[in-house]
Amino acid sequence: MLSPLHQSARQHPTAIALMANGRGISYRNLSQQVLALGTQLRNAGLHAGDKLACIAGNCAELVKLYWACVDNGLLFCPLSPKFPDSQLEGLMQRFAIQYLWCPDDARQPLWQTRQRLNLNFALTANSTAPEIALDTAVDIILTSGSSGTPKAAMHSLAGHIANAEGSRSLIALQTGDGWLASLPLFHIGGVAIINRCALAAATTVLPDSSLSLAQQLKRDPISHLSLVATQLQQLLDEAPNSLLLIKYLLLGGSAISQSLLDRLQPLDMQVFTSYGMTEMGSQITTGPVRTDGSSGKLLPGRQLQIRDNIIWVRGETLFLGYLQDDGSVDKATDESGWFCSKDRGFLDEQGRLHIQGRADNMFICGGENIQPEEVEAALKLHPDILEAIVFPAPDLKFGYLPSAIVRTRSRELPDAQEIKAFLSQYIAAFKRPRRYYAWPAIDQTGLKVQRQQIIAQVAAGTDPH
């Protein structure tokens, strides 16, 4: 079959496929530019199965390269431009990536070890779109690396399509709609937005660095938005009118604070939260945001079961496996094809999934198990707390004591005694944090909180507050 991009170009040629800096590109023109780009990649010596590292923030060129890789059987390997040269070189050496594209000319030492492509993204071609196989690998997306070294998750186009179709069964998306690509393409959430829009012939709207988020929401035809709670809070505080044209809002991260839920009530839009992971192509469960912190119900094309309080998943959206250093692929599933998420959770009587936290985040305080995410959810019930991360602080008597990093609406640390009294309504005394730290200044690049990075920054004493 044709890729979703070329199918939409045939069925909706004049619909806007991509909007960058306030200017739109039709599906017909984007299709022709991607075909011309494919010719350039083949002329540069790339063959099916080769890997192409793409080192850039979200931009039109990156979207075009993704679809050109899909057309030509290449592996699209987006890498964060925030990585230092040494890390990029290590990743490309580890996974045998010989070709790269990057608009940044400042990385000369890195270019000397790889073939850097010089491409013309404005060329068009009237050639016929190629038929492609849906079950072969089309990309390599690095996991967040919560356990240490990031893993290289490989996905097929069939998996991406199944994920997009499952998402659209609940979050309607059609021609004329626009989804802001606020999540980077080197995260699975960013790739998911590109595929959802192409499948529905909707518009992928790229972030405009010259504008604030509120300004772009007012200028561009954005109907769908993916945000974390702190971004939403800022919009509600500074420019609530910018959200008036949003039809669907997908909130990521962990539990949403009660105060934020209260402020969403008057808005005429549907607000969802979800549970997902790189290995399942993005969303697994999705549902209307609720005060109980649940993550919604299972979407079509996915299967989920709970074993010993641990979530296992499989289905049409499951990745192909992890690319290993020797070039082999580890499917990382059991004999029945189930993948262990290492997340703790349970299903309630209505079939809604409740996440209790990462199994490897649990720690022991004086002989009692503490799951940080449970304490974080209780903290975020407080009207002044927007975000919270609970972590173990070493203690000679108890082994570890719970400490908390919090982001507050008032931007001041909460009064410890007042918070202690507040938490007494929800959690046992031994679970309540003993110390509080201010949330550090850190870039948020995805829908999941960068837990280990924030903890490390606070522990190192680099918190600017």
Protein backbone atom coordinates (compact mmCIF):
# COMPACT_ATOMS: atom_id res chain seq x y z
CA MET A 1 0.00 0.00 0.00
CA LEU A 2 0.97 3.67 -0.14
CA SER A 3 2.07 5.50 2.96
CA PRO A 4 -0.65 7.52 4.74
CA LEU A 5 0.96 10.70 3.40
CA HIS A 6 0.58 9.70 -0.26
CA GLN A 7 -2.88 8.24 0.31
CA SER A 8 -4.06 11.54 1.75
CA ALA A 9 -2.38 13.38 -1.13
CA ARG A 10 -4.55 11.39 -3.55
CA GLN A 11 -7.77 11.76 -1.60
CA HIS A 12 -7.31 15.32 -0.26
CA PRO A 13 -4.64 16.95 -2.46
CA THR A 14 -5.43 20.54 -1.50
CA ALA A 15 -5.78 19.94 2.25
CA ILE A 16 -3.00 21.47 4.35
CA ALA A 17 -0.60 18.73 5.44
CA LEU A 18 2.05 20.78 7.21
CA MET A 19 2.14 24.29 8.62
CA ALA A 20 5.44 25.94 9.50
CA ASN A 21 5.91 29.58 10.52
CA GLY A 22 2.32 30.35 9.60
CA ARG A 23 2.62 28.95 6.06
CA GLY A 24 0.88 25.80 4.91
CA ILE A 25 1.99 23.04 2.53
CA SER A 26 -0.72 21.02 0.80
CA TYR A 27 -0.75 17.25 0.82
CA ARG A 28 -0.08 17.25 -2.94
CA ASN A 29 3.00 19.45 -2.59
CA LEU A 30 4.32 17.64 0.47
CA SER A 31 3.94 14.31 -1.32
CA GLN A 32 5.89 15.61 -4.32
CA GLN A 33 8.65 17.05 -2.12
CA VAL A 34 8.97 13.76 -0.22
CA LEU A 35 9.26 11.82 -3.50
CA ALA A 36 12.02 14.19 -4.70
CA LEU A 37 13.77 13.81 -1.37
CA GLY A 38 13.67 10.03 -1.75
CA THR A 39 15.45 10.32 -5.08
CA GLN A 40 18.18 12.40 -3.44
CA LEU A 41 18.62 9.84 -0.67
CA ARG A 42 19.01 7.02 -3.18
CA ASN A 43 21.45 9.07 -5.23
CA ALA A 44 23.48 9.65 -2.07
CA GLY A 45 23.96 5.90 -1.79
CA LEU A 46 21.33 4.95 0.81
CA HIS A 47 19.64 1.58 0.34
CA ALA A 48 16.76 -0.19 2.06
CA GLY A 49 17.76 -1.08 5.61
CA ASP A 50 20.24 1.77 6.02
CA LYS A 51 19.89 4.04 9.04
CA LEU A 52 19.69 7.83 8.82
CA ALA A 53 20.41 9.88 11.95
CA CYS A 54 18.44 13.15 11.95
CA ILE A 55 19.69 15.64 14.53
CA ALA A 56 17.29 18.57 14.79
CA GLY A 57 14.34 19.99 16.65
CA ASN A 58 10.91 19.77 15.06
CA CYS A 59 10.97 21.31 11.61
CA ALA A 60 9.47 20.73 8.15
CA GLU A 61 12.66 19.03 6.97
CA LEU A 62 12.40 16.44 9.72
CA VAL A 63 8.81 15.56 8.80
CA LYS A 64 9.77 15.21 5.14
CA LEU A 65 12.72 12.99 6.00
CA TYR A 66 10.48 10.71 8.06
CA TRP A 67 8.15 10.08 5.13
CA ALA A 68 11.04 9.75 2.67
CA CYS A 69 12.56 7.07 4.91
CA VAL A 70 9.19 5.28 5.01
CA ASP A 71 9.01 5.33 1.19
CA ASN A 72 12.51 3.93 0.73
CA GLY A 73 12.76 1.32 3.47
CA LEU A 74 15.25 3.39 5.46
CA LEU A 75 15.36 3.60 9.24
CA PHE A 76 14.54 7.11 10.45
CA CYS A 77 16.68 7.71 13.57
CA PRO A 78 15.85 11.07 15.16
CA LEU A 79 18.30 12.16 17.86
CA SER A 80 18.06 15.08 20.25
CA PRO A 81 20.08 18.12 19.15
CA LYS A 82 20.70 18.76 22.86
CA PHE A 83 22.96 15.71 23.04
CA PRO A 84 26.68 16.55 23.10
CA ASP A 85 28.85 15.37 20.19
CA SER A 86 30.35 12.59 22.28
CA GLN A 87 26.94 11.12 23.06
CA LEU A 88 25.77 11.38 19.46
CA GLU A 89 28.96 9.74 18.24
CA GLY A 90 28.54 6.96 20.79
CA LEU A 91 24.95 6.30 19.71
CA MET A 92 25.78 6.28 16.01
CA GLN A 93 28.73 3.97 16.56
CA ARG A 94 26.71 1.67 18.82
CA PHE A 95 23.90 1.25 16.29
CA ALA A 96 26.07 1.40 13.13
CA ILE A 97 24.54 4.59 11.71
CA GLN A 98 26.65 5.83 8.81
CA TYR A 99 24.46 8.61 7.39
CA LEU A 100 23.22 11.75 9.09
CA TRP A 101 21.36 14.97 8.42
CA CYS A 102 21.58 18.04 10.62
CA PRO A 103 21.08 21.76 9.93
CA ASP A 104 23.65 22.70 12.60
CA ASP A 105 27.07 23.47 11.09
CA ALA A 106 28.78 23.72 14.50
CA ARG A 107 29.42 20.00 14.94
CA GLN A 108 32.40 19.63 12.62
CA PRO A 109 34.22 16.91 14.62
CA LEU A 110 31.12 14.73 14.41
CA TRP A 111 30.71 15.22 10.65
CA GLN A 112 34.21 13.89 10.00
CA THR A 113 33.20 10.38 11.10
CA ARG A 114 29.91 10.09 9.19
CA GLN A 115 28.48 10.92 5.78
CA ARG A 116 26.54 14.13 6.24
CA LEU A 117 23.81 14.62 3.64
CA ASN A 118 23.32 17.90 1.81
CA LEU A 119 19.71 17.86 0.66
CA ASN A 120 17.40 20.23 -1.24
CA PHE A 121 14.02 20.10 0.49
CA ALA A 122 12.27 22.43 -1.97
CA LEU A 123 12.53 20.11 -4.99
CA THR A 124 9.35 18.43 -6.24
CA ALA A 125 8.74 15.32 -8.30
CA ASN A 126 5.73 14.03 -10.20
CA SER A 127 6.86 10.43 -9.93
CA THR A 128 4.58 7.65 -8.72
CA ALA A 129 4.49 7.03 -4.98
CA PRO A 130 6.00 3.63 -4.15
CA GLU A 131 4.17 0.68 -2.66
CA ILE A 132 5.57 -0.13 0.77
CA ALA A 133 5.54 -3.05 3.20
CA LEU A 134 3.78 -2.22 6.43
CA ASP A 135 5.50 -4.73 8.68
CA THR A 136 9.14 -3.71 8.18
CA ALA A 137 10.99 -1.32 10.48
CA VAL A 138 10.65 2.37 9.62
CA ASP A 139 12.23 4.08 12.62
CA ILE A 140 14.37 3.76 15.72
CA ILE A 141 13.20 5.79 18.72
CA LEU A 142 15.29 5.94 21.86
CA THR A 143 13.50 5.17 25.10
CA SER A 144 13.67 7.68 27.92
CA GLY A 145 16.33 5.56 29.59
CA SER A 146 14.77 5.61 33.07
CA SER A 147 16.86 2.57 33.96
CA GLY A 148 20.10 4.13 32.71
CA THR A 149 21.20 3.60 29.10
CA PRO A 150 18.49 4.40 26.52
CA LYS A 151 17.27 1.50 24.42
CA ALA A 152 16.63 1.69 20.67
CA ALA A 153 13.00 0.74 20.01
CA MET A 154 12.14 -0.22 16.42
CA HIS A 155 8.65 0.34 15.00
CA SER A 156 6.80 -0.67 11.86
CA LEU A 157 4.40 1.53 9.93
CA ALA A 158 1.66 -1.01 10.67
CA GLY A 159 2.20 -0.37 14.38
CA HIS A 160 2.07 3.40 13.93
CA ILE A 161 -1.13 3.15 11.87
CA ALA A 162 -2.77 0.90 14.46
CA ASN A 163 -1.82 3.34 17.19
CA ALA A 164 -3.22 6.30 15.25
CA GLU A 165 -6.47 4.48 14.45
CA GLY A 166 -6.92 3.50 18.08
CA SER A 167 -6.34 7.08 19.18
CA ARG A 168 -8.83 8.43 16.63
CA SER A 169 -11.52 6.05 17.92
CA LEU A 170 -11.74 8.32 20.96
CA ILE A 171 -10.12 11.60 19.90
CA ALA A 172 -11.77 12.53 16.61
CA LEU A 173 -9.38 13.92 14.00
CA GLN A 174 -10.27 14.87 10.42
CA THR A 175 -9.34 17.04 7.46
CA GLY A 176 -9.29 20.66 8.52
CA ASP A 177 -8.14 19.89 12.04
CA GLY A 178 -4.64 20.83 13.18
CA TRP A 179 -2.51 19.13 15.84
CA LEU A 180 0.39 21.13 17.25
CA ALA A 181 3.57 19.03 17.08
CA SER A 182 4.65 20.20 20.51
CA LEU A 183 6.39 16.90 21.27
CA PRO A 184 9.80 16.32 19.67
CA LEU A 185 10.11 13.74 16.90
CA PHE A 186 12.91 12.04 18.82
CA HIS A 187 10.18 10.98 21.29
CA ILE A 188 7.45 8.52 20.35
CA GLY A 189 4.77 11.10 21.13
CA GLY A 190 6.07 13.35 18.37
CA VAL A 191 6.14 10.57 15.77
CA ALA A 192 2.61 9.58 16.81
CA ILE A 193 1.28 13.08 16.02
CA ILE A 194 2.81 12.96 12.52
CA ASN A 195 1.17 9.61 11.78
CA ARG A 196 -2.22 10.55 13.27
CA CYS A 197 -2.43 13.67 11.12
CA ALA A 198 -1.36 11.95 7.89
CA LEU A 199 -3.83 9.12 8.37
CA ALA A 200 -6.69 11.62 8.85
CA ALA A 201 -5.48 14.14 6.23
CA ALA A 202 -5.26 16.66 9.08
CA THR A 203 -2.61 19.36 9.52
CA THR A 204 0.60 18.91 11.47
CA VAL A 205 1.36 22.35 12.89
CA LEU A 206 5.02 22.88 13.78
CA PRO A 207 5.99 25.01 16.79
CA ASP A 208 7.09 28.55 15.94
CA SER A 209 10.02 29.58 18.11
CA SER A 210 9.37 33.26 17.38
CA LEU A 211 6.00 33.09 19.16
CA SER A 212 4.84 32.11 22.61
CA LEU A 213 2.53 29.10 22.79
CA ALA A 214 -0.44 31.39 23.45
CA GLN A 215 0.41 33.54 20.42
CA GLN A 216 0.69 30.51 18.14
CA LEU A 217 -2.61 29.08 19.37
CA LYS A 218 -4.27 32.35 18.38
CA ARG A 219 -2.59 32.56 14.96
CA ASP A 220 -2.62 28.99 13.63
CA PRO A 221 -5.58 26.65 13.03
CA ILE A 222 -4.84 24.37 16.00
CA SER A 223 -7.70 22.20 17.21
CA HIS A 224 -5.72 19.45 18.99
CA LEU A 225 -3.07 19.97 21.62
CA SER A 226 -0.76 17.77 23.69
CA LEU A 227 0.52 19.38 26.89
CA VAL A 228 1.86 18.67 30.33
CA ALA A 229 0.08 20.11 33.34
CA THR A 230 2.54 22.96 33.89
CA GLN A 231 2.13 24.20 30.30
CA LEU A 232 -1.64 24.15 30.69
CA GLN A 233 -1.41 25.97 34.01
CA GLN A 234 0.69 28.71 32.42
CA LEU A 235 -1.82 29.18 29.60
CA LEU A 236 -4.71 29.38 32.04
CA ASP A 237 -2.84 31.96 34.12
CA GLU A 238 -1.55 34.15 31.30
CA ALA A 239 -3.77 33.68 28.23
CA PRO A 240 -6.89 31.57 28.84
CA ASN A 241 -8.52 32.91 25.66
CA SER A 242 -5.84 31.14 23.60
CA LEU A 243 -7.56 27.83 24.40
CA LEU A 244 -10.99 28.82 23.08
CA LEU A 245 -10.56 27.09 19.69
CA ILE A 246 -9.05 23.88 21.09
CA LYS A 247 -11.40 20.92 20.63
CA TYR A 248 -9.26 18.19 22.17
CA LEU A 249 -6.55 18.42 24.79
CA LEU A 250 -4.36 15.42 25.63
CA LEU A 251 -2.67 15.84 28.99
CA GLY A 252 0.44 13.84 29.76
CA GLY A 253 2.55 13.25 32.79
CA SER A 254 1.24 11.86 36.06
CA ALA A 255 -1.83 12.63 38.15
CA ILE A 256 -3.47 16.02 37.52
CA SER A 257 -3.98 18.36 40.47
CA GLN A 258 -7.52 19.02 41.69
CA SER A 259 -7.06 22.77 41.30
CA LEU A 260 -6.19 22.35 37.63
CA LEU A 261 -9.18 20.08 37.02
CA ASP A 262 -11.45 22.71 38.56
CA ARG A 263 -10.17 25.36 36.16
CA LEU A 264 -10.83 23.12 33.15
CA GLN A 265 -14.53 22.72 33.92
CA PRO A 266 -15.77 25.93 32.17
CA LEU A 267 -13.80 25.29 28.95
CA ASP A 268 -15.65 23.97 25.91
CA MET A 269 -13.19 21.25 24.99
CA GLN A 270 -12.69 17.58 25.67
CA VAL A 271 -9.75 16.87 27.94
CA PHE A 272 -8.14 13.44 28.00
CA THR A 273 -5.32 11.77 29.83
CA SER A 274 -3.55 8.61 28.77
CA TYR A 275 -1.04 5.93 29.61
CA GLY A 276 1.49 4.98 26.97
CA MET A 277 5.05 3.98 26.25
CA THR A 278 7.60 3.97 23.46
CA GLU A 279 7.35 0.20 23.05
CA MET A 280 3.61 0.42 22.27
CA GLY A 281 3.94 3.28 19.79
CA SER A 282 2.45 5.85 22.20
CA GLN A 283 -1.08 5.58 23.63
CA ILE A 284 -2.30 2.39 25.31
CA THR A 285 -5.21 3.62 27.41
CA THR A 286 -6.99 6.96 27.10
CA GLY A 287 -9.99 8.53 28.82
CA PRO A 288 -11.52 11.76 30.05
CA VAL A 289 -9.39 13.34 32.76
CA ARG A 290 -10.72 12.45 36.22
CA THR A 291 -10.01 13.39 39.80
CA ASP A 292 -9.06 9.81 40.66
CA GLY A 293 -5.96 10.02 38.45
CA SER A 294 -7.02 7.11 36.23
CA SER A 295 -5.58 6.83 32.72
CA GLY A 296 -8.69 5.78 30.84
CA LYS A 297 -9.66 2.54 29.15
CA LEU A 298 -7.81 0.31 26.71
CA LEU A 299 -7.85 1.58 23.11
CA PRO A 300 -8.57 -0.73 20.13
CA GLY A 301 -5.64 -2.82 18.87
CA ARG A 302 -4.11 -3.17 22.33
CA GLN A 303 -4.25 -5.88 24.97
CA LEU A 304 -3.39 -5.48 28.64
CA GLN A 305 -3.20 -7.75 31.65
CA ILE A 306 -2.07 -7.36 35.25
CA ARG A 307 0.34 -9.95 36.67
CA ASP A 308 1.33 -9.58 40.31
CA ASN A 309 0.35 -5.91 40.15
CA ILE A 310 2.61 -5.34 37.09
CA ILE A 311 1.20 -4.19 33.72
CA TRP A 312 1.88 -6.39 30.68
CA VAL A 313 0.88 -5.34 27.14
CA ARG A 314 0.77 -6.63 23.58
CA GLY A 315 -1.20 -6.03 20.39
CA GLU A 316 -1.07 -4.47 16.94
CA THR A 317 0.86 -1.44 18.19
CA LEU A 318 3.68 -3.39 19.86
CA PHE A 319 7.15 -2.48 18.65
CA LEU A 320 9.36 -4.87 16.69
CA GLY A 321 11.96 -5.03 19.45
CA TYR A 322 15.14 -3.38 20.69
CA LEU A 323 18.04 -3.01 18.26
CA GLN A 324 21.10 -4.57 19.87
CA ASP A 325 24.73 -3.51 19.53
CA ASP A 326 25.45 -6.50 17.28
CA GLY A 327 22.62 -5.61 14.89
CA SER A 328 20.20 -8.25 16.15
CA VAL A 329 16.71 -7.40 17.44
CA ASP A 330 15.50 -8.39 20.91
CA LYS A 331 11.70 -8.66 20.90
CA ALA A 332 11.76 -8.40 24.73
CA THR A 333 8.52 -10.37 25.12
CA ASP A 334 7.58 -13.61 26.83
CA GLU A 335 6.66 -16.80 24.96
CA SER A 336 3.09 -15.50 24.43
CA GLY A 337 4.17 -12.15 23.03
CA TRP A 338 3.51 -10.09 26.17
CA PHE A 339 5.79 -7.15 27.01
CA CYS A 340 6.44 -6.26 30.65
CA SER A 341 6.02 -2.53 31.23
CA LYS A 342 7.57 -2.59 34.72
CA ASP A 343 4.78 -0.23 35.75
CA ARG A 344 2.57 -1.10 38.70
CA GLY A 345 -1.17 -0.68 38.24
CA PHE A 346 -4.69 -2.06 38.43
CA LEU A 347 -7.98 -1.95 36.52
CA ASP A 348 -11.06 -0.69 38.37
CA GLU A 349 -14.56 -2.10 37.96
CA GLN A 350 -15.23 0.19 34.98
CA GLY A 351 -12.09 -1.00 33.20
CA ARG A 352 -10.12 2.19 33.78
CA LEU A 353 -6.39 1.79 34.34
CA HIS A 354 -4.80 3.24 37.46
CA ILE A 355 -1.02 3.63 37.44
CA GLN A 356 0.66 3.11 40.79
CA GLY A 357 4.18 3.88 39.62
CA ARG A 358 7.32 2.23 38.36
CA ALA A 359 8.21 -0.99 40.11
CA ASP A 360 11.85 0.12 40.19
CA ASN A 361 10.94 3.47 41.84
CA MET A 362 9.73 1.81 45.04
CA PHE A 363 11.96 2.17 48.11
CA ILE A 364 11.89 1.04 51.75
CA CYS A 365 11.60 3.40 54.71
CA GLY A 366 12.02 1.75 58.10
CA GLY A 367 10.83 -1.58 56.73
CA GLU A 368 7.78 -0.09 54.93
CA ASN A 369 7.42 0.02 51.14
CA ILE A 370 6.89 3.47 49.65
CA GLN A 371 5.70 3.96 46.07
CA PRO A 372 6.68 7.55 45.14
CA GLU A 373 3.87 8.01 42.62
CA GLU A 374 1.25 7.38 45.32
CA VAL A 375 2.70 10.17 47.45
CA GLU A 376 2.99 12.45 44.41
CA ALA A 377 -0.68 11.95 43.57
CA ALA A 378 -1.64 12.89 47.14
CA LEU A 379 0.58 15.99 47.03
CA LYS A 380 -1.07 17.17 43.82
CA LEU A 381 -4.45 17.17 45.49
CA HIS A 382 -3.21 20.27 47.32
CA PRO A 383 -4.53 23.41 45.59
CA ASP A 384 -1.09 25.07 45.40
CA ILE A 385 0.92 22.10 44.05
CA LEU A 386 1.14 21.57 40.28
CA GLU A 387 3.91 18.99 40.00
CA ALA A 388 5.64 16.72 42.48
CA ILE A 389 8.42 14.15 42.45
CA VAL A 390 9.09 12.05 45.54
CA PHE A 391 12.48 10.37 45.92
CA PRO A 392 14.41 8.48 48.64
CA ALA A 393 16.93 10.46 50.68
CA PRO A 394 19.50 8.28 52.53
CA ASP A 395 19.02 8.12 56.30
CA LEU A 396 21.10 6.26 58.90
CA LYS A 397 18.13 5.25 61.04
CA PHE A 398 15.43 4.42 58.48
CA GLY A 399 17.52 3.56 55.42
CA TYR A 400 15.66 6.09 53.28
CA LEU A 401 13.24 8.92 53.98
CA PRO A 402 10.81 10.35 51.41
CA SER A 403 11.67 13.82 50.10
CA ALA A 404 9.69 15.84 47.57
CA ILE A 405 10.48 18.23 44.73
CA VAL A 406 7.46 20.43 44.08
CA ARG A 407 6.32 23.05 41.61
CA THR A 408 3.72 25.36 43.12
CA ARG A 409 1.34 27.96 41.74
CA SER A 410 2.72 30.50 44.22
CA ARG A 411 6.29 29.57 43.18
CA GLU A 412 7.23 29.24 46.84
CA LEU A 413 7.95 26.13 48.85
CA PRO A 414 4.92 24.99 50.84
CA ASP A 415 4.82 25.16 54.64
CA ALA A 416 5.94 21.71 55.80
CA GLN A 417 3.55 21.57 58.75
CA GLU A 418 0.56 22.65 56.69
CA ILE A 419 1.37 20.05 54.01
CA LYS A 420 1.83 17.39 56.70
CA ALA A 421 -1.65 18.10 58.04
CA PHE A 422 -3.09 18.10 54.53
CA LEU A 423 -1.51 14.77 53.60
CA SER A 424 -2.82 13.13 56.78
CA GLN A 425 -6.18 12.87 55.01
CA TYR A 426 -4.74 10.69 52.23
CA ILE A 427 -1.59 8.76 53.15
CA ALA A 428 0.05 7.15 56.17
CA ALA A 429 2.52 9.12 58.26
CA PHE A 430 5.60 7.16 57.15
CA LYS A 431 4.87 8.05 53.49
CA ARG A 432 4.79 11.82 54.02
CA PRO A 433 7.87 13.71 52.76
CA ARG A 434 10.29 14.98 55.40
CA ARG A 435 11.92 17.63 53.21
CA TYR A 436 10.77 19.75 50.27
CA TYR A 437 12.80 21.19 47.38
CA ALA A 438 11.90 23.74 44.73
CA TRP A 439 11.37 22.50 41.16
CA PRO A 440 14.51 23.21 39.13
CA ALA A 441 14.61 25.09 35.84
CA ILE A 442 14.60 22.35 33.22
CA ASP A 443 13.31 21.93 29.67
CA GLN A 444 10.24 19.70 29.30
CA THR A 445 10.56 17.83 26.00
CA GLY A 446 7.81 15.24 26.28
CA LEU A 447 4.61 14.35 28.06
CA LYS A 448 6.46 12.39 30.72
CA VAL A 449 8.28 14.14 33.54
CA GLN A 450 12.06 13.75 33.27
CA ARG A 451 12.16 12.20 36.70
CA GLN A 452 15.76 11.07 37.06
CA GLN A 453 17.16 14.24 35.54
CA ILE A 454 15.20 16.46 37.94
CA ILE A 455 16.18 14.37 40.97
CA ALA A 456 19.84 14.42 39.93
CA GLN A 457 19.78 18.18 39.47
CA VAL A 458 18.29 18.78 42.91
CA ALA A 459 20.62 16.25 44.56
CA ALA A 460 23.61 17.98 42.98
CA GLY A 461 22.55 21.27 44.52
CA THR A 462 22.17 23.01 41.14
CA ASP A 463 18.62 24.13 41.79
CA PRO A 464 18.60 27.92 41.05
CA HIS A 465 15.95 28.49 43.71
